[in-house]
Amino acid sequence: SVVAGTKHFLQLCARGGLEFRTMPESEILKGYIKNGDVVGICVSGGLDSKTVALRLRLAGVKVKCFTADIGQPDEEDINDIVTKMAPCGVETIIVDLKNEIAEAAMEAVACKASYDGGYWQSTGIGRYVTARGLLQEMKKHGCTVLSHGATGRGNDQVRFERYVNVMDPTFKVYAPWRDPALLEEFSGRSQMLTYLEKHGITHTIVSQAKKRYSTDANICGLSNEAEDLESMETPMTIVNPVMGVWPKDAPDAVEEITMKFEKGRCVAINGKAMSPLEVLQTCNKIAGRNGMGLSQALENRILGTKSRGVYEAPGMELLGQGVTYVYQAVLDRRSTGLFKHLAGHISDQIYDGRYFDPSTRCAINAIWQLAEPATGTVKLGMIKGHAHFLSLTDVPHTIYFEADSSMEASEGLNPVSSQGYLEVSSVEAKAMAKAGLIDIESVWAKRRKTA
């Protein structure tokens, strides 16, 4: 417990069991102490979390720790985080956001908001859900500052801070790994481990031989990056899937699944009505065991650099493929073009930490309007990482009519009626030719000649 952790720390002090050295002064922390601020620290129970929580508490800062339960598949028991943080003498509050992130996943699927390389950005989705949920909880506990553990090189610092800024401009944000004092004191993992050990706190780092990359996970999926994955000569297969298996390890037999969509949202799996959370959990399990949703990308980061990642999102991939077939049946060509444009904007905005921006909300609203007729039942067959189409039924708003598109004689579109359309179309074509606007040479070959 927190009390037991504090008592242990005081006993060590009394016995002279701790060695202290002068800690660098943090002007930022001194300001929080002076103002009487309460810092809410976003924690995971890892090395960084323990170090920051203990360092701030011993500096005299009032701290409370918070963690979001967003269905992390790599956490056997979310309550373990409370146990891990207790020796630091801090209170840790778990905020259940599983329903919120499942709803966010349904929206992202409906918007087809995948990012560079076509991967479902589970981390970007998780960040706005986490920032919103934890900020609201921190306010209930009297916090005035949100502290995040993002580094000064990545996307998450931008996401967390922008979300706090737009949700409450008066709420302060503290980034430990941009604080010169903490950067000087903790230049690496070894310094953090030593610091914790001096205060009687143990921490075990997973053997690098077992895992040679870092992972960020939630129920939407996993993002694996850094360390060995930074080399483009390292195959993506060094990653051990958490939510499923590699396609080669999936069953040899086809597994069928039926998904019922209403207005762009999956509401039932194999005939059973489900909540968004149940849908996501079920699809993760089924698609995962069939080797779906594994991908790699060299993504474009917010700050302009590129980052290599290997991603898992089996459930979202399966749902995304399913809803695509419904959209194909109900959206006309211009609506489809608009949809693609909106989807790209929404995806970029989520990635950039701009989910709550006006243009994002407007685009999402437009997508839901386009999705109004997207009702239907899709059956897919999954095998070794692939899902192939089996059938699409119960689509009341389909604009696909077999008779109109048939190559055989039918009561549908009369082929003769196309004559007038082609005559009108030819007027523009011939005019462009007469004006010398048409070039029939290979563009590539022509560029080589002028290079």
Foldseek 3Di string as FASTA:
>chain_A
DLVVLVVLLVVCVVVVLFDDDDAFDFPVLVVQQVVVAEEEEEDQLALLRQLVLLVSVVVPHHYAYEYEAQAFLVDPDSCVSQVSNSNSSHHYYYFYQNLVLLVLLLLLLLLLQAAFVSADPSPLSVLLSGLVRVVVVCVVVRHQEYEYADAPPAQNVQQNVVSCCVVPVRRHYDHLNVGVSNCVQDVDSVSSQVVCVSSVRHHDDPDCVLPQWDWDGGLQKIKTFDGPQQDPVDDPVVDQDSLAHALVQADADKDKKKFWDALSGTQDIPPHGDRSSVQSVVQSNVQRSQRAAWDWGQGQGPVGHTTIIIMGGRSSVVSSVFLVVLLVFADDPVRVVLSVVLSHVLSVCSRNNNCVPPSNVVSSVSSSVSSNQSTWMFMWIGHSHDIHGDDIDDRPRGPDDCQQPPPDPHPHDDPVVCVVVVVVVVVVVVVCVVVVNDDDDDPVVVVVVVD
